[in-house]
Amino acid sequence: MLDQDMKQKIATGEGFIAALDQSGGSTPKALKGYGVEEDAWSSEEEMFGLIHAMRSRVITSPAFTGDKVLGAILFERTMDGTVDGKPTPQALLERGVVPFIKIDKGLEDEANGVQLMKPNPDLDILLHRSKALGVFGTKERSVVNLANREGIAAVVAQQFEVGQQVLAAGLMPIIEPEVNIKSPERAEADQILLEEILKNLDALPDGVQVMLKLSLPAKAGLFDPLVDHPAVLRVVALSGGFARPEACVELAKNRGIIASFSRALLNDLRHQMSDDEFNASLGEAIDEIHGASTAKQPVAA
């Protein structure tokens, strides 16, 4: 797919984006959920080899195609690896799936109720390498824990600043200021976040677009102005700790928003499954998430 084909698929496709981007700190937990205990590896290289094998199994499953999975977000090591002897982004493209890359280096300690992204001085190098491998876009995550306007404004400003760097490299940024769904101030944080994102979107030059990855809002439909904004290519949602059934119910209440789930997509998969069992379980998850991304439920005013 050419860049314009990928952009069109992400903008209008009937499907969702798979998040296959667990990084170093979350990899042991992801492997444990997959049925691989920590005594299965003795080095970081072996650990990443095991998680890459899991992701390769997902990507090569007959259930994982561009018919329902529009895109996939990769961890840097996954992007640099191979699937069936091909660079991972190429393997995805051949399945009709648009590749994205996670670019943040983790989170700073909390201040003003939020966690900003850590500095990333080598980002331009990663962006250039990703573009050369056929990657279409990027994803960067920060976290909002409390309804602190100063903190949320700082998170959004940082996200858009990095997004401009991504755009300059010829890639599409997914801006991800995640609201912690367990926050005691979740609804208020959602509202402040909406206002701050709209300010930054309105300040973009005409014709420039970004993507947004957001927690499902406490109030269904709150993010409709973002879905409709001309500077937004697509709004996607993270599961944020919701189990898949609940995440899909909440997602279906929000017009125009599609999934970008990780745990809610992969949670039922186990290393010990036969290929038939693995493919059936993954296919069931894909069907459920696809349904919530494309068949929306009317919500009472």
Protein backbone atom coordinates (compact mmCIF):
# COMPACT_ATOMS: atom_id res chain seq x y z
CA MET A 1 0.00 0.00 0.00
CA LEU A 2 1.16 3.52 -0.78
CA ASP A 3 0.90 6.21 1.90
CA GLN A 4 -2.34 7.57 0.43
CA ASP A 5 -3.86 4.10 0.35
CA MET A 6 -2.91 3.57 3.98
CA LYS A 7 -4.33 6.96 4.94
CA GLN A 8 -7.60 6.21 3.16
CA LYS A 9 -7.87 2.80 4.83
CA ILE A 10 -7.33 4.25 8.30
CA ALA A 11 -9.69 7.19 7.65
CA THR A 12 -12.63 5.23 6.28
CA GLY A 13 -12.05 1.53 6.89
CA GLU A 14 -14.60 -0.60 8.71
CA GLY A 15 -12.46 -2.16 11.42
CA PHE A 16 -10.06 -1.40 14.26
CA ILE A 17 -6.37 -1.05 15.13
CA ALA A 18 -4.61 -3.80 17.07
CA ALA A 19 -2.15 -2.67 19.76
CA LEU A 20 0.79 -5.11 19.77
CA ASP A 21 3.18 -2.71 21.44
CA GLN A 22 3.84 -3.87 25.01
CA SER A 23 7.34 -2.61 25.83
CA GLY A 24 10.08 -3.77 28.19
CA GLY A 25 8.36 -3.03 31.49
CA SER A 26 5.05 -4.65 30.56
CA THR A 27 6.44 -7.63 28.62
CA PRO A 28 6.71 -10.07 31.59
CA LYS A 29 3.09 -9.35 32.49
CA ALA A 30 2.01 -9.86 28.86
CA LEU A 31 3.91 -13.15 28.68
CA LYS A 32 2.41 -14.33 31.99
CA GLY A 33 -1.05 -13.61 30.60
CA TYR A 34 -0.09 -15.69 27.57
CA GLY A 35 0.81 -18.61 29.83
CA VAL A 36 4.60 -18.15 29.78
CA GLU A 37 6.11 -17.92 33.28
CA GLU A 38 9.22 -15.89 34.11
CA ASP A 39 11.37 -19.00 34.51
CA ALA A 40 10.95 -19.59 30.75
CA TRP A 41 13.71 -17.07 29.97
CA SER A 42 17.08 -16.21 31.46
CA SER A 43 17.88 -12.98 29.60
CA GLU A 44 16.13 -9.94 28.17
CA GLU A 45 16.87 -11.19 24.67
CA GLU A 46 15.10 -14.49 25.37
CA MET A 47 12.15 -12.62 26.89
CA PHE A 48 11.78 -10.41 23.83
CA GLY A 49 12.16 -13.47 21.62
CA LEU A 50 9.18 -15.08 23.35
CA ILE A 51 6.98 -11.99 23.02
CA HIS A 52 8.00 -11.66 19.36
CA ALA A 53 6.96 -15.28 18.79
CA MET A 54 3.56 -14.48 20.30
CA ARG A 55 3.12 -11.42 18.10
CA SER A 56 4.24 -13.37 15.03
CA ARG A 57 1.63 -16.00 15.83
CA VAL A 58 -1.03 -13.28 16.00
CA ILE A 59 0.08 -11.57 12.79
CA THR A 60 0.21 -14.81 10.78
CA SER A 61 -3.13 -16.12 12.07
CA PRO A 62 -5.75 -16.49 9.33
CA ALA A 63 -8.05 -14.42 11.58
CA PHE A 64 -5.69 -11.41 11.48
CA THR A 65 -6.23 -9.70 8.13
CA GLY A 66 -7.01 -6.26 6.80
CA ASP A 67 -10.68 -7.17 6.41
CA LYS A 68 -11.29 -6.34 10.08
CA VAL A 69 -7.89 -5.21 11.41
CA LEU A 70 -7.10 -1.88 9.75
CA GLY A 71 -3.75 -1.34 11.45
CA ALA A 72 -1.37 -2.64 14.08
CA ILE A 73 0.85 -0.72 16.52
CA LEU A 74 4.27 -2.29 17.00
CA PHE A 75 6.95 -2.05 19.67
CA GLU A 76 10.30 -0.94 18.23
CA ARG A 77 11.86 -4.40 18.62
CA THR A 78 8.88 -5.95 16.86
CA MET A 79 9.25 -3.52 13.96
CA ASP A 80 12.93 -4.42 13.70
CA GLY A 81 12.18 -8.16 13.73
CA THR A 82 10.87 -10.45 11.02
CA VAL A 83 7.69 -12.46 10.53
CA ASP A 84 7.93 -15.42 8.16
CA GLY A 85 11.32 -14.10 7.04
CA LYS A 86 10.04 -10.62 6.14
CA PRO A 87 10.40 -7.34 8.05
CA THR A 88 7.39 -7.10 10.34
CA PRO A 89 5.92 -3.95 8.69
CA GLN A 90 6.12 -5.68 5.30
CA ALA A 91 4.43 -8.79 6.68
CA LEU A 92 1.59 -6.61 7.97
CA LEU A 93 1.23 -4.72 4.69
CA GLU A 94 0.97 -7.99 2.78
CA ARG A 95 -1.99 -8.89 5.03
CA GLY A 96 -3.64 -5.52 4.31
CA VAL A 97 -2.80 -4.18 7.79
CA VAL A 98 -1.31 -0.67 8.17
CA PRO A 99 1.79 -0.58 10.44
CA PHE A 100 2.29 1.94 13.25
CA ILE A 101 5.17 2.22 15.76
CA LYS A 102 5.13 3.12 19.47
CA ILE A 103 7.67 5.92 19.88
CA ASP A 104 7.52 7.07 23.50
CA LYS A 105 10.17 6.01 26.03
CA GLY A 106 7.84 5.70 28.99
CA LEU A 107 6.44 8.09 31.57
CA GLU A 108 7.81 10.67 33.97
CA ASP A 109 6.77 10.57 37.63
CA GLU A 110 3.38 12.12 38.32
CA ALA A 111 3.19 15.90 38.71
CA ASN A 112 0.05 18.07 38.63
CA GLY A 113 -2.04 14.92 38.37
CA VAL A 114 -0.44 13.74 35.11
CA GLN A 115 2.52 11.80 33.77
CA LEU A 116 4.33 13.41 30.87
CA MET A 117 6.43 11.44 28.39
CA LYS A 118 10.13 11.04 29.12
CA PRO A 119 12.56 12.90 26.84
CA ASN A 120 13.30 11.15 23.55
CA PRO A 121 16.43 12.74 22.04
CA ASP A 122 16.86 10.05 19.36
CA LEU A 123 13.29 10.30 18.06
CA ASP A 124 14.22 11.65 14.62
CA ILE A 125 16.47 8.63 14.04
CA LEU A 126 13.62 6.24 14.95
CA LEU A 127 11.16 8.12 12.74
CA HIS A 128 13.50 7.98 9.74
CA ARG A 129 14.10 4.25 10.24
CA SER A 130 10.40 3.54 10.69
CA LYS A 131 9.47 5.44 7.52
CA ALA A 132 12.10 3.48 5.56
CA LEU A 133 10.57 0.19 6.76
CA GLY A 134 7.13 1.16 5.43
CA VAL A 135 5.54 2.30 8.70
CA PHE A 136 2.63 4.74 8.25
CA GLY A 137 2.27 6.27 11.69
CA THR A 138 3.33 6.49 15.31
CA LYS A 139 1.82 6.33 18.79
CA GLU A 140 2.91 8.14 21.93
CA ARG A 141 1.30 7.74 25.36
CA SER A 142 1.03 9.96 28.40
CA VAL A 143 -1.38 9.59 31.33
CA VAL A 144 -3.92 11.81 33.09
CA ASN A 145 -4.76 10.73 36.64
CA LEU A 146 -6.57 13.80 37.98
CA ALA A 147 -8.67 16.69 36.63
CA ASN A 148 -5.85 19.23 36.93
CA ARG A 149 -6.11 21.72 34.07
CA GLU A 150 -2.48 22.81 34.27
CA GLY A 151 -1.30 19.21 34.13
CA ILE A 152 -3.67 18.22 31.33
CA ALA A 153 -2.73 21.29 29.29
CA ALA A 154 0.94 20.31 29.64
CA VAL A 155 0.24 16.73 28.55
CA VAL A 156 -1.68 17.85 25.47
CA ALA A 157 0.90 20.50 24.54
CA GLN A 158 3.70 17.92 24.76
CA GLN A 159 1.70 15.43 22.71
CA PHE A 160 1.08 17.94 19.92
CA GLU A 161 4.71 19.09 19.99
CA VAL A 162 5.88 15.52 19.41
CA GLY A 163 3.10 15.09 16.86
CA GLN A 164 4.56 17.99 14.83
CA GLN A 165 7.94 16.25 14.86
CA VAL A 166 6.26 13.07 13.56
CA LEU A 167 4.42 14.97 10.83
CA ALA A 168 7.67 16.61 9.75
CA ALA A 169 9.13 13.12 9.25
CA GLY A 170 6.27 12.19 6.91
CA LEU A 171 4.42 9.97 9.39
CA MET A 172 0.94 10.13 10.95
CA PRO A 173 0.95 10.70 14.74
CA ILE A 174 -1.50 8.97 17.05
CA ILE A 175 -1.71 11.35 20.01
CA GLU A 176 -2.55 9.38 23.17
CA PRO A 177 -3.27 11.30 26.38
CA GLU A 178 -4.82 8.42 28.33
CA VAL A 179 -7.24 9.24 31.15
CA ASN A 180 -6.94 6.66 33.92
CA ILE A 181 -10.38 5.00 34.01
CA LYS A 182 -9.93 4.42 37.76
CA SER A 183 -9.46 8.13 38.42
CA PRO A 184 -11.88 9.55 41.02
CA GLU A 185 -12.10 12.61 38.74
CA ARG A 186 -12.49 10.74 35.46
CA ALA A 187 -15.50 12.64 34.06
CA GLU A 188 -13.99 16.03 34.91
CA ALA A 189 -10.63 14.99 33.42
CA ASP A 190 -12.39 13.87 30.21
CA GLN A 191 -14.01 17.31 29.86
CA ILE A 192 -10.80 19.26 30.43
CA LEU A 193 -8.95 16.96 28.04
CA LEU A 194 -11.59 17.56 25.35
CA GLU A 195 -11.21 21.33 25.73
CA GLU A 196 -7.40 21.24 25.61
CA ILE A 197 -7.32 18.94 22.58
CA LEU A 198 -9.76 21.17 20.70
CA LYS A 199 -7.53 24.21 21.38
CA ASN A 200 -4.52 22.42 19.92
CA LEU A 201 -6.45 21.03 16.94
CA ASP A 202 -7.77 24.49 16.09
CA ALA A 203 -4.19 25.81 16.10
CA LEU A 204 -2.98 23.32 13.47
CA PRO A 205 -2.40 24.64 9.94
CA ASP A 206 -5.21 24.03 7.45
CA GLY A 207 -5.04 20.58 5.90
CA VAL A 208 -2.89 19.04 8.67
CA GLN A 209 -4.39 15.99 10.37
CA VAL A 210 -3.51 13.87 13.37
CA MET A 211 -5.07 10.80 14.99
CA LEU A 212 -6.22 10.56 18.60
CA LYS A 213 -6.15 7.56 20.94
CA LEU A 214 -8.29 8.19 24.00
CA SER A 215 -9.76 6.37 26.96
CA LEU A 216 -13.45 5.62 26.54
CA PRO A 217 -15.19 8.63 28.12
CA ALA A 218 -17.30 8.39 31.25
CA LYS A 219 -20.05 10.21 29.32
CA ALA A 220 -20.86 8.50 26.02
CA GLY A 221 -20.60 10.82 23.02
CA LEU A 222 -18.40 13.37 24.81
CA PHE A 223 -15.74 13.13 22.13
CA ASP A 224 -18.11 13.66 19.17
CA PRO A 225 -16.50 17.11 18.49
CA LEU A 226 -13.15 15.35 18.05
CA VAL A 227 -14.61 12.73 15.72
CA ASP A 228 -16.05 15.54 13.58
CA HIS A 229 -13.01 17.86 13.65
CA PRO A 230 -11.40 18.37 10.21
CA ALA A 231 -7.91 18.07 11.73
CA VAL A 232 -8.61 14.54 13.01
CA LEU A 233 -8.07 11.60 10.66
CA ARG A 234 -9.55 9.07 13.09
CA VAL A 235 -10.30 8.68 16.80
CA VAL A 236 -9.42 5.33 18.34
CA ALA A 237 -10.00 4.09 21.89
CA LEU A 238 -7.87 2.08 24.27
CA SER A 239 -9.47 -0.52 26.53
CA GLY A 240 -7.69 1.01 29.52
CA GLY A 241 -8.20 -1.93 31.87
CA PHE A 242 -11.77 -2.76 30.91
CA ALA A 243 -12.28 -6.45 30.14
CA ARG A 244 -13.25 -7.02 26.50
CA PRO A 245 -17.04 -7.38 27.00
CA GLU A 246 -17.25 -4.13 28.99
CA ALA A 247 -14.83 -2.32 26.68
CA CYS A 248 -16.92 -3.30 23.66
CA VAL A 249 -20.17 -2.19 25.31
CA GLU A 250 -18.63 1.22 26.11
CA LEU A 251 -17.04 1.53 22.66
CA ALA A 252 -20.34 0.82 20.89
CA LYS A 253 -21.87 3.85 22.68
CA ASN A 254 -19.41 6.25 21.03
CA ARG A 255 -20.12 7.25 17.44
CA GLY A 256 -17.20 7.31 15.03
CA ILE A 257 -14.65 5.86 17.48
CA ILE A 258 -12.95 2.56 16.69
CA ALA A 259 -10.94 0.29 18.97
CA SER A 260 -7.21 0.17 19.46
CA PHE A 261 -7.16 -2.58 22.07
CA SER A 262 -4.25 -4.57 23.46
CA ARG A 263 -5.19 -6.64 26.52
CA ALA A 264 -8.83 -6.79 25.46
CA LEU A 265 -7.71 -8.27 22.13
CA LEU A 266 -5.06 -10.73 23.37
CA ASN A 267 -6.30 -11.65 26.84
CA ASP A 268 -7.73 -15.09 26.01
CA LEU A 269 -4.74 -16.32 23.98
CA ARG A 270 -2.43 -18.93 25.53
CA HIS A 271 0.96 -20.29 24.49
CA GLN A 272 -0.30 -23.84 25.08
CA MET A 273 -3.20 -23.60 22.60
CA SER A 274 -3.16 -25.60 19.41
CA ASP A 275 -3.14 -23.50 16.25
CA ASP A 276 -6.85 -24.22 15.73
CA GLU A 277 -7.68 -23.16 19.30
CA PHE A 278 -5.47 -20.06 19.03
CA ASN A 279 -6.95 -18.95 15.72
CA ALA A 280 -10.52 -19.56 16.91
CA SER A 281 -9.95 -17.55 20.13
CA LEU A 282 -8.27 -14.68 18.27
CA GLY A 283 -11.00 -14.72 15.62
CA GLU A 284 -13.70 -14.46 18.29
CA ALA A 285 -11.96 -11.47 19.89
CA ILE A 286 -11.48 -9.77 16.52
CA ASP A 287 -15.14 -10.28 15.61
CA GLU A 288 -16.35 -8.83 18.92
CA ILE A 289 -14.07 -5.78 18.77
CA HIS A 290 -14.84 -5.24 15.07
CA GLY A 291 -18.55 -5.30 15.88
CA ALA A 292 -18.22 -2.66 18.61
CA SER A 293 -16.09 -0.50 16.30
CA THR A 294 -18.54 -0.58 13.41
CA ALA A 295 -22.07 -1.22 14.79
CA LYS A 296 -22.90 1.60 17.17
CA GLN A 297 -25.70 1.63 19.75
CA PRO A 298 -27.95 4.66 20.12
CA VAL A 299 -27.48 6.36 23.48
CA ALA A 300 -30.29 8.20 25.23
CA ALA A 301 -29.71 11.94 25.56
